[in-house]
C-alpha cells in the first residue's frame, strides 16, 4: 500500500500542516470538516499544496518527521515549488 507525505496550506493565513496518510484527500476533508478544536481548525480552509508517494508507512513517517524537523516555512515552500526533492533528505 502506498503512503504519502502531504503538506496542507491554509487559504487564509500563511501556515502549513505536514502529515502522512494512505489517503491524503480523505485527510484533507477531515482537516476541513472536523469539529474538534485543533491547529487545523483555526486556519480553514486547507488545500493540498504538496503530496509525495512513498512505498511504505515507515518511509512516510520518516519523511513527515524530516519535514517537521526543518521548522522553516522557506524549506517547505521550496519543497512545494519543486525546488528541492524530499528524496534528497531521506
PDB file of N, CA and C in Angstrom:
ATOM      1  N   UNK A   1       0.841  -1.177   0.000  1.00  0.00           N
ATOM      2  CA  UNK A   1       0.000   0.000   0.000  1.00  0.00           C
ATOM      3  C   UNK A   1       0.885   1.240   0.000  1.00  0.00           C
ATOM      4  N   UNK A   2       0.576   2.183  -0.851  1.00  0.00           N
ATOM      5  CA  UNK A   2       1.308   3.448  -0.902  1.00  0.00           C
ATOM      6  C   UNK A   2       0.873   4.355   0.250  1.00  0.00           C
ATOM      7  N   UNK A   3       1.818   5.078   0.762  1.00  0.00           N
ATOM      8  CA  UNK A   3       1.563   6.134   1.731  1.00  0.00           C
ATOM      9  C   UNK A   3       2.111   7.423   1.156  1.00  0.00           C
ATOM     10  N   UNK A   4       1.631   8.526   1.678  1.00  0.00           N
ATOM     11  CA  UNK A   4       2.003   9.826   1.140  1.00  0.00           C
ATOM     12  C   UNK A   4       2.427  10.772   2.245  1.00  0.00           C
ATOM     13  N   UNK A   5       3.464  11.524   1.969  1.00  0.00           N
ATOM     14  CA  UNK A   5       3.769  12.713   2.733  1.00  0.00           C
ATOM     15  C   UNK A   5       2.902  13.795   2.109  1.00  0.00           C
ATOM     16  N   UNK A   6       2.183  14.556   2.914  1.00  0.00           N
ATOM     17  CA  UNK A   6       1.399  15.649   2.348  1.00  0.00           C
ATOM     18  C   UNK A   6       1.601  16.917   3.157  1.00  0.00           C
ATOM     19  N   UNK A   7       1.459  18.035   2.472  1.00  0.00           N
ATOM     20  CA  UNK A   7       1.528  19.336   3.125  1.00  0.00           C
ATOM     21  C   UNK A   7       0.268  20.088   2.753  1.00  0.00           C
ATOM     22  N   UNK A   8      -0.458  20.504   3.784  1.00  0.00           N
ATOM     23  CA  UNK A   8      -1.634  21.332   3.579  1.00  0.00           C
ATOM     24  C   UNK A   8      -1.223  22.783   3.755  1.00  0.00           C
ATOM     25  N   UNK A   9      -1.832  23.644   2.958  1.00  0.00           N
ATOM     26  CA  UNK A   9      -1.591  25.072   3.066  1.00  0.00           C
ATOM     27  C   UNK A   9      -2.916  25.758   3.352  1.00  0.00           C
ATOM     28  N   UNK A  10      -2.912  26.612   4.345  1.00  0.00           N
ATOM     29  CA  UNK A  10      -4.117  27.364   4.681  1.00  0.00           C
ATOM     30  C   UNK A  10      -4.402  28.376   3.582  1.00  0.00           C
ATOM     31  N   UNK A  11      -5.681  28.545   3.269  1.00  0.00           N
ATOM     32  CA  UNK A  11      -6.072  29.546   2.278  1.00  0.00           C
ATOM     33  C   UNK A  11      -6.264  30.921   2.907  1.00  0.00           C
ATOM     34  N   UNK A  12      -6.217  31.005   4.252  1.00  0.00           N
ATOM     35  CA  UNK A  12      -6.465  32.283   4.923  1.00  0.00           C
ATOM     36  C   UNK A  12      -5.231  32.875   5.602  1.00  0.00           C
ATOM     37  N   UNK A  13      -4.219  32.067   5.854  1.00  0.00           N
ATOM     38  CA  UNK A  13      -3.007  32.548   6.517  1.00  0.00           C
ATOM     39  C   UNK A  13      -1.837  31.717   6.021  1.00  0.00           C
ATOM     40  N   UNK A  14      -0.665  32.308   5.967  1.00  0.00           N
ATOM     41  CA  UNK A  14       0.488  31.551   5.501  1.00  0.00           C
ATOM     42  C   UNK A  14       0.947  30.594   6.598  1.00  0.00           C
ATOM     43  N   UNK A  15       0.295  29.456   6.634  1.00  0.00           N
ATOM     44  CA  UNK A  15       0.660  28.413   7.573  1.00  0.00           C
ATOM     45  C   UNK A  15       0.486  27.073   6.884  1.00  0.00           C
ATOM     46  N   UNK A  16       1.231  26.091   7.365  1.00  0.00           N
ATOM     47  CA  UNK A  16       1.238  24.770   6.749  1.00  0.00           C
ATOM     48  C   UNK A  16       0.973  23.709   7.799  1.00  0.00           C
ATOM     49  N   UNK A  17       0.486  22.582   7.323  1.00  0.00           N
ATOM     50  CA  UNK A  17       0.333  21.402   8.170  1.00  0.00           C
ATOM     51  C   UNK A  17       0.977  20.245   7.426  1.00  0.00           C
ATOM     52  N   UNK A  18       1.871  19.544   8.079  1.00  0.00           N
ATOM     53  CA  UNK A  18       2.582  18.415   7.476  1.00  0.00           C
ATOM     54  C   UNK A  18       2.037  17.133   8.075  1.00  0.00           C
ATOM     55  N   UNK A  19       1.720  16.168   7.212  1.00  0.00           N
ATOM     56  CA  UNK A  19       1.208  14.892   7.691  1.00  0.00           C
ATOM     57  C   UNK A  19       1.553  13.768   6.740  1.00  0.00           C
ATOM     58  N   UNK A  20       1.118  12.574   7.106  1.00  0.00           N
ATOM     59  CA  UNK A  20       1.274  11.409   6.236  1.00  0.00           C
ATOM     60  C   UNK A  20      -0.004  10.594   6.301  1.00  0.00           C
ATOM     61  N   UNK A  21      -0.323   9.946   5.191  1.00  0.00           N
ATOM     62  CA  UNK A  21      -1.561   9.181   5.119  1.00  0.00           C
ATOM     63  C   UNK A  21      -1.516   8.278   3.899  1.00  0.00           C
ATOM     64  N   UNK A  22      -2.363   7.256   3.911  1.00  0.00           N
ATOM     65  CA  UNK A  22      -2.521   6.449   2.700  1.00  0.00           C
ATOM     66  C   UNK A  22      -3.627   7.026   1.814  1.00  0.00           C
ATOM     67  N   UNK A  23      -4.274   8.110   2.276  1.00  0.00           N
ATOM     68  CA  UNK A  23      -5.339   8.765   1.512  1.00  0.00           C
ATOM     69  C   UNK A  23      -5.359  10.269   1.840  1.00  0.00           C
ATOM     70  N   UNK A  24      -4.485  11.059   1.192  1.00  0.00           N
ATOM     71  CA  UNK A  24      -4.410  12.490   1.505  1.00  0.00           C
ATOM     72  C   UNK A  24      -5.719  13.245   1.276  1.00  0.00           C
ATOM     73  N   UNK A  25      -6.502  12.858   0.280  1.00  0.00           N
ATOM     74  CA  UNK A  25      -7.770  13.543   0.027  1.00  0.00           C
ATOM     75  C   UNK A  25      -8.744  13.357   1.198  1.00  0.00           C
ATOM     76  N   UNK A  26      -8.766  12.157   1.749  1.00  0.00           N
ATOM     77  CA  UNK A  26      -9.613  11.899   2.917  1.00  0.00           C
ATOM     78  C   UNK A  26      -9.143  12.729   4.106  1.00  0.00           C
ATOM     79  N   UNK A  27      -7.829  12.829   4.295  1.00  0.00           N
ATOM     80  CA  UNK A  27      -7.285  13.631   5.398  1.00  0.00           C
ATOM     81  C   UNK A  27      -7.595  15.112   5.206  1.00  0.00           C
ATOM     82  N   UNK A  28      -7.513  15.593   3.958  1.00  0.00           N
ATOM     83  CA  UNK A  28      -7.867  16.979   3.684  1.00  0.00           C
ATOM     84  C   UNK A  28      -9.313  17.240   4.088  1.00  0.00           C
ATOM     85  N   UNK A  29     -10.195  16.357   3.692  1.00  0.00           N
ATOM     86  CA  UNK A  29     -11.603  16.505   4.051  1.00  0.00           C
ATOM     87  C   UNK A  29     -11.760  16.529   5.575  1.00  0.00           C
ATOM     88  N   UNK A  30     -11.071  15.640   6.264  1.00  0.00           N
ATOM     89  CA  UNK A  30     -11.127  15.594   7.722  1.00  0.00           C
ATOM     90  C   UNK A  30     -10.659  16.915   8.333  1.00  0.00           C
ATOM     91  N   UNK A  31      -9.513  17.418   7.872  1.00  0.00           N
ATOM     92  CA  UNK A  31      -8.971  18.658   8.438  1.00  0.00           C
ATOM     93  C   UNK A  31      -9.901  19.846   8.176  1.00  0.00           C
ATOM     94  N   UNK A  32     -10.621  19.807   7.088  1.00  0.00           N
ATOM     95  CA  UNK A  32     -11.521  20.911   6.755  1.00  0.00           C
ATOM     96  C   UNK A  32     -12.892  20.805   7.423  1.00  0.00           C
ATOM     97  N   UNK A  33     -13.245  19.638   7.958  1.00  0.00           N
ATOM     98  CA  UNK A  33     -14.600  19.463   8.494  1.00  0.00           C
ATOM     99  C   UNK A  33     -14.662  18.980   9.942  1.00  0.00           C
ATOM    100  N   UNK A  34     -13.567  18.525  10.517  1.00  0.00           N
ATOM    101  CA  UNK A  34     -13.576  18.001  11.876  1.00  0.00           C
ATOM    102  C   UNK A  34     -14.011  19.081  12.870  1.00  0.00           C
ATOM    103  N   UNK A  35     -14.841  18.711  13.815  1.00  0.00           N
ATOM    104  CA  UNK A  35     -15.382  19.667  14.781  1.00  0.00           C
ATOM    105  C   UNK A  35     -14.495  19.914  15.994  1.00  0.00           C
ATOM    106  N   UNK A  36     -13.449  19.110  16.161  1.00  0.00           N
ATOM    107  CA  UNK A  36     -12.573  19.320  17.318  1.00  0.00           C
ATOM    108  C   UNK A  36     -11.772  20.612  17.165  1.00  0.00           C
ATOM    109  N   UNK A  37     -11.456  21.226  18.285  1.00  0.00           N
ATOM    110  CA  UNK A  37     -10.605  22.409  18.244  1.00  0.00           C
ATOM    111  C   UNK A  37      -9.158  21.935  18.176  1.00  0.00           C
ATOM    112  N   UNK A  38      -8.543  22.200  17.059  1.00  0.00           N
ATOM    113  CA  UNK A  38      -7.166  21.767  16.831  1.00  0.00           C
ATOM    114  C   UNK A  38      -6.480  22.795  15.944  1.00  0.00           C
ATOM    115  N   UNK A  39      -5.187  22.621  15.758  1.00  0.00           N
ATOM    116  CA  UNK A  39      -4.423  23.544  14.909  1.00  0.00           C
ATOM    117  C   UNK A  39      -5.089  23.717  13.549  1.00  0.00           C
ATOM    118  N   UNK A  40      -5.488  22.639  12.948  1.00  0.00           N
ATOM    119  CA  UNK A  40      -6.042  22.741  11.598  1.00  0.00           C
ATOM    120  C   UNK A  40      -7.407  23.417  11.572  1.00  0.00           C
ATOM    121  N   UNK A  41      -8.146  23.383  12.661  1.00  0.00           N
ATOM    122  CA  UNK A  41      -9.472  24.012  12.661  1.00  0.00           C
ATOM    123  C   UNK A  41      -9.381  25.540  12.677  1.00  0.00           C
ATOM    124  N   UNK A  42      -8.275  26.077  13.141  1.00  0.00           N
ATOM    125  CA  UNK A  42      -8.124  27.536  13.232  1.00  0.00           C
ATOM    126  C   UNK A  42      -7.810  28.199  11.890  1.00  0.00           C
ATOM    127  N   UNK A  43      -7.284  27.442  10.944  1.00  0.00           N
ATOM    128  CA  UNK A  43      -6.789  28.045   9.706  1.00  0.00           C
ATOM    129  C   UNK A  43      -7.500  27.520   8.463  1.00  0.00           C
ATOM    130  N   UNK A  44      -8.731  27.078   8.620  1.00  0.00           N
ATOM    131  CA  UNK A  44      -9.510  26.582   7.488  1.00  0.00           C
ATOM    132  C   UNK A  44      -9.874  27.710   6.540  1.00  0.00           C
ATOM    133  N   UNK A  45     -10.080  27.400   5.291  1.00  0.00           N
ATOM    134  CA  UNK A  45      -9.957  26.094   4.644  1.00  0.00           C
ATOM    135  C   UNK A  45      -8.509  25.796   4.257  1.00  0.00           C
ATOM    136  N   UNK A  46      -8.256  24.504   4.082  1.00  0.00           N
ATOM    137  CA  UNK A  46      -6.950  23.997   3.680  1.00  0.00           C
ATOM    138  C   UNK A  46      -7.014  23.492   2.247  1.00  0.00           C
ATOM    139  N   UNK A  47      -5.856  23.465   1.612  1.00  0.00           N
ATOM    140  CA  UNK A  47      -5.723  22.812   0.310  1.00  0.00           C
ATOM    141  C   UNK A  47      -4.463  21.958   0.356  1.00  0.00           C
ATOM    142  N   UNK A  48      -4.418  20.939  -0.478  1.00  0.00           N
ATOM    143  CA  UNK A  48      -3.201  20.133  -0.565  1.00  0.00           C
ATOM    144  C   UNK A  48      -2.226  20.892  -1.450  1.00  0.00           C
ATOM    145  N   UNK A  49      -1.119  21.313  -0.857  1.00  0.00           N
ATOM    146  CA  UNK A  49      -0.102  22.051  -1.597  1.00  0.00           C
ATOM    147  C   UNK A  49       0.982  21.118  -2.124  1.00  0.00           C
ATOM    148  N   UNK A  50       1.118  19.950  -1.487  1.00  0.00           N
ATOM    149  CA  UNK A  50       2.185  19.016  -1.858  1.00  0.00           C
ATOM    150  C   UNK A  50       1.784  17.627  -1.418  1.00  0.00           C
ATOM    151  N   UNK A  51       2.083  16.665  -2.273  1.00  0.00           N
ATOM    152  CA  UNK A  51       1.851  15.260  -1.935  1.00  0.00           C
ATOM    153  C   UNK A  51       2.926  14.437  -2.629  1.00  0.00           C
ATOM    154  N   UNK A  52       3.540  13.550  -1.872  1.00  0.00           N
ATOM    155  CA  UNK A  52       4.625  12.732  -2.427  1.00  0.00           C
ATOM    156  C   UNK A  52       4.409  11.277  -2.017  1.00  0.00           C
ATOM    157  N   UNK A  53       4.305  10.360  -3.000  1.00  0.00           N
ATOM    158  CA  UNK A  53       4.096   8.958  -2.662  1.00  0.00           C
ATOM    159  C   UNK A  53       5.371   8.297  -2.136  1.00  0.00           C
ATOM    160  N   UNK A  54       5.180   7.418  -1.173  1.00  0.00           N
ATOM    161  CA  UNK A  54       6.288   6.635  -0.623  1.00  0.00           C
ATOM    162  C   UNK A  54       5.848   5.180  -0.564  1.00  0.00           C
ATOM    163  N   UNK A  55       6.789   4.287  -0.543  1.00  0.00           N
ATOM    164  CA  UNK A  55       6.493   2.860  -0.651  1.00  0.00           C
ATOM    165  C   UNK A  55       5.927   2.230   0.612  1.00  0.00           C
ATOM    166  N   UNK A  56       6.181   2.841   1.757  1.00  0.00           N
ATOM    167  CA  UNK A  56       5.730   2.216   2.998  1.00  0.00           C
ATOM    168  C   UNK A  56       5.344   3.275   4.026  1.00  0.00           C
ATOM    169  N   UNK A  57       4.616   2.826   5.025  1.00  0.00           N
ATOM    170  CA  UNK A  57       4.242   3.701   6.135  1.00  0.00           C
ATOM    171  C   UNK A  57       5.493   4.187   6.859  1.00  0.00           C
ATOM    172  N   UNK A  58       6.469   3.310   7.020  1.00  0.00           N
ATOM    173  CA  UNK A  58       7.715   3.664   7.693  1.00  0.00           C
ATOM    174  C   UNK A  58       8.423   4.808   6.962  1.00  0.00           C
ATOM    175  N   UNK A  59       8.483   4.742   5.631  1.00  0.00           N
ATOM    176  CA  UNK A  59       9.108   5.810   4.846  1.00  0.00           C
ATOM    177  C   UNK A  59       8.321   7.114   4.971  1.00  0.00           C
ATOM    178  N   UNK A  60       6.996   7.011   4.982  1.00  0.00           N
ATOM    179  CA  UNK A  60       6.151   8.207   5.097  1.00  0.00           C
ATOM    180  C   UNK A  60       6.340   8.879   6.457  1.00  0.00           C
ATOM    181  N   UNK A  61       6.434   8.084   7.497  1.00  0.00           N
ATOM    182  CA  UNK A  61       6.666   8.626   8.840  1.00  0.00           C
ATOM    183  C   UNK A  61       8.032   9.324   8.890  1.00  0.00           C
ATOM    184  N   UNK A  62       9.042   8.709   8.283  1.00  0.00           N
ATOM    185  CA  UNK A  62      10.382   9.310   8.258  1.00  0.00           C
ATOM    186  C   UNK A  62      10.367  10.636   7.494  1.00  0.00           C
ATOM    187  N   UNK A  63       9.664  10.678   6.364  1.00  0.00           N
ATOM    188  CA  UNK A  63       9.584  11.906   5.569  1.00  0.00           C
ATOM    189  C   UNK A  63       8.855  12.999   6.345  1.00  0.00           C
ATOM    190  N   UNK A  64       7.749  12.634   6.999  1.00  0.00           N
ATOM    191  CA  UNK A  64       6.998  13.595   7.804  1.00  0.00           C
ATOM    192  C   UNK A  64       7.883  14.156   8.924  1.00  0.00           C
ATOM    193  N   UNK A  65       8.598  13.294   9.604  1.00  0.00           N
ATOM    194  CA  UNK A  65       9.480  13.733  10.694  1.00  0.00           C
ATOM    195  C   UNK A  65      10.575  14.660  10.178  1.00  0.00           C
ATOM    196  N   UNK A  66      11.135  14.341   9.016  1.00  0.00           N
ATOM    197  CA  UNK A  66      12.188  15.173   8.439  1.00  0.00           C
ATOM    198  C   UNK A  66      11.663  16.573   8.152  1.00  0.00           C
ATOM    199  N   UNK A  67      10.518  16.669   7.479  1.00  0.00           N
ATOM    200  CA  UNK A  67       9.969  17.981   7.134  1.00  0.00           C
ATOM    201  C   UNK A  67       9.610  18.754   8.397  1.00  0.00           C
ATOM    202  N   UNK A  68       9.016  18.089   9.372  1.00  0.00           N
ATOM    203  CA  UNK A  68       8.668  18.771  10.621  1.00  0.00           C
ATOM    204  C   UNK A  68       9.910  19.254  11.365  1.00  0.00           C
ATOM    205  N   UNK A  69      11.029  18.584  11.205  1.00  0.00           N
ATOM    206  CA  UNK A  69      12.263  18.989  11.890  1.00  0.00           C
ATOM    207  C   UNK A  69      12.855  20.258  11.282  1.00  0.00           C
ATOM    208  N   UNK A  70      12.478  20.589  10.062  1.00  0.00           N
ATOM    209  CA  UNK A  70      13.021  21.788   9.417  1.00  0.00           C
ATOM    210  C   UNK A  70      12.592  23.058  10.131  1.00  0.00           C
ATOM    211  N   UNK A  71      11.370  23.117  10.628  1.00  0.00           N
ATOM    212  CA  UNK A  71      10.861  24.291  11.342  1.00  0.00           C
ATOM    213  C   UNK A  71      11.015  25.575  10.508  1.00  0.00           C
ATOM    214  N   UNK A  72      10.950  25.431   9.210  1.00  0.00           N
ATOM    215  CA  UNK A  72      11.173  26.579   8.342  1.00  0.00           C
ATOM    216  C   UNK A  72      10.138  26.616   7.223  1.00  0.00           C
ATOM    217  N   UNK A  73       9.402  27.706   7.157  1.00  0.00           N
ATOM    218  CA  UNK A  73       8.444  27.860   6.057  1.00  0.00           C
ATOM    219  C   UNK A  73       9.179  27.931   4.724  1.00  0.00           C
ATOM    220  N   UNK A  74      10.391  28.478   4.738  1.00  0.00           N
ATOM    221  CA  UNK A  74      11.162  28.594   3.496  1.00  0.00           C
ATOM    222  C   UNK A  74      11.440  27.208   2.903  1.00  0.00           C
ATOM    223  N   UNK A  75      11.870  26.272   3.722  1.00  0.00           N
ATOM    224  CA  UNK A  75      12.161  24.921   3.232  1.00  0.00           C
ATOM    225  C   UNK A  75      10.887  24.251   2.723  1.00  0.00           C
ATOM    226  N   UNK A  76       9.777  24.452   3.430  1.00  0.00           N
ATOM    227  CA  UNK A  76       8.514  23.865   2.992  1.00  0.00           C
ATOM    228  C   UNK A  76       8.084  24.468   1.657  1.00  0.00           C
ATOM    229  N   UNK A  77       8.245  25.777   1.498  1.00  0.00           N
ATOM    230  CA  UNK A  77       7.912  26.413   0.209  1.00  0.00           C
ATOM    231  C   UNK A  77       8.776  25.865  -0.910  1.00  0.00           C
ATOM    232  N   UNK A  78      10.070  25.652  -0.654  1.00  0.00           N
ATOM    233  CA  UNK A  78      10.956  25.085  -1.673  1.00  0.00           C
ATOM    234  C   UNK A  78      10.503  23.685  -2.078  1.00  0.00           C
ATOM    235  N   UNK A  79      10.040  22.930  -1.122  1.00  0.00           N
ATOM    236  CA  UNK A  79       9.519  21.593  -1.404  1.00  0.00           C
ATOM    237  C   UNK A  79       8.246  21.678  -2.251  1.00  0.00           C
ATOM    238  N   UNK A  80       7.329  22.545  -1.866  1.00  0.00           N
ATOM    239  CA  UNK A  80       6.077  22.723  -2.599  1.00  0.00           C
ATOM    240  C   UNK A  80       6.340  23.191  -4.028  1.00  0.00           C
ATOM    241  N   UNK A  81       7.324  24.070  -4.200  1.00  0.00           N
ATOM    242  CA  UNK A  81       7.643  24.630  -5.520  1.00  0.00           C
ATOM    243  C   UNK A  81       8.549  23.726  -6.348  1.00  0.00           C
ATOM    244  N   UNK A  82       8.840  22.526  -5.852  1.00  0.00           N
ATOM    245  CA  UNK A  82       9.701  21.557  -6.543  1.00  0.00           C
ATOM    246  C   UNK A  82      11.129  22.058  -6.761  1.00  0.00           C
ATOM    247  N   UNK A  83      11.586  22.957  -5.906  1.00  0.00           N
ATOM    248  CA  UNK A  83      12.974  23.412  -5.970  1.00  0.00           C
ATOM    249  C   UNK A  83      13.879  22.365  -5.323  1.00  0.00           C
ATOM    250  N   UNK A  84      13.357  21.724  -4.277  1.00  0.00           N
ATOM    251  CA  UNK A  84      14.092  20.634  -3.625  1.00  0.00           C
ATOM    252  C   UNK A  84      13.228  19.373  -3.690  1.00  0.00           C
ATOM    253  N   UNK A  85      13.882  18.234  -3.536  1.00  0.00           N
ATOM    254  CA  UNK A  85      13.198  16.937  -3.592  1.00  0.00           C
ATOM    255  C   UNK A  85      13.323  16.257  -2.236  1.00  0.00           C
ATOM    256  N   UNK A  86      12.216  15.825  -1.688  1.00  0.00           N
ATOM    257  CA  UNK A  86      12.231  15.191  -0.365  1.00  0.00           C
ATOM    258  C   UNK A  86      13.135  13.962  -0.350  1.00  0.00           C
ATOM    259  N   UNK A  87      13.247  13.277  -1.477  1.00  0.00           N
ATOM    260  CA  UNK A  87      14.090  12.070  -1.534  1.00  0.00           C
ATOM    261  C   UNK A  87      15.546  12.385  -1.222  1.00  0.00           C
ATOM    262  N   UNK A  88      15.987  13.608  -1.509  1.00  0.00           N
ATOM    263  CA  UNK A  88      17.369  14.003  -1.223  1.00  0.00           C
ATOM    264  C   UNK A  88      17.647  14.161   0.269  1.00  0.00           C
ATOM    265  N   UNK A  89      16.589  14.189   1.078  1.00  0.00           N
ATOM    266  CA  UNK A  89      16.724  14.428   2.517  1.00  0.00           C
ATOM    267  C   UNK A  89      16.410  13.198   3.361  1.00  0.00           C
ATOM    268  N   UNK A  90      16.052  12.116   2.720  1.00  0.00           N
ATOM    269  CA  UNK A  90      15.708  10.901   3.474  1.00  0.00           C
ATOM    270  C   UNK A  90      16.877   9.953   3.562  1.00  0.00           C
TER     271      UNK A  90
END
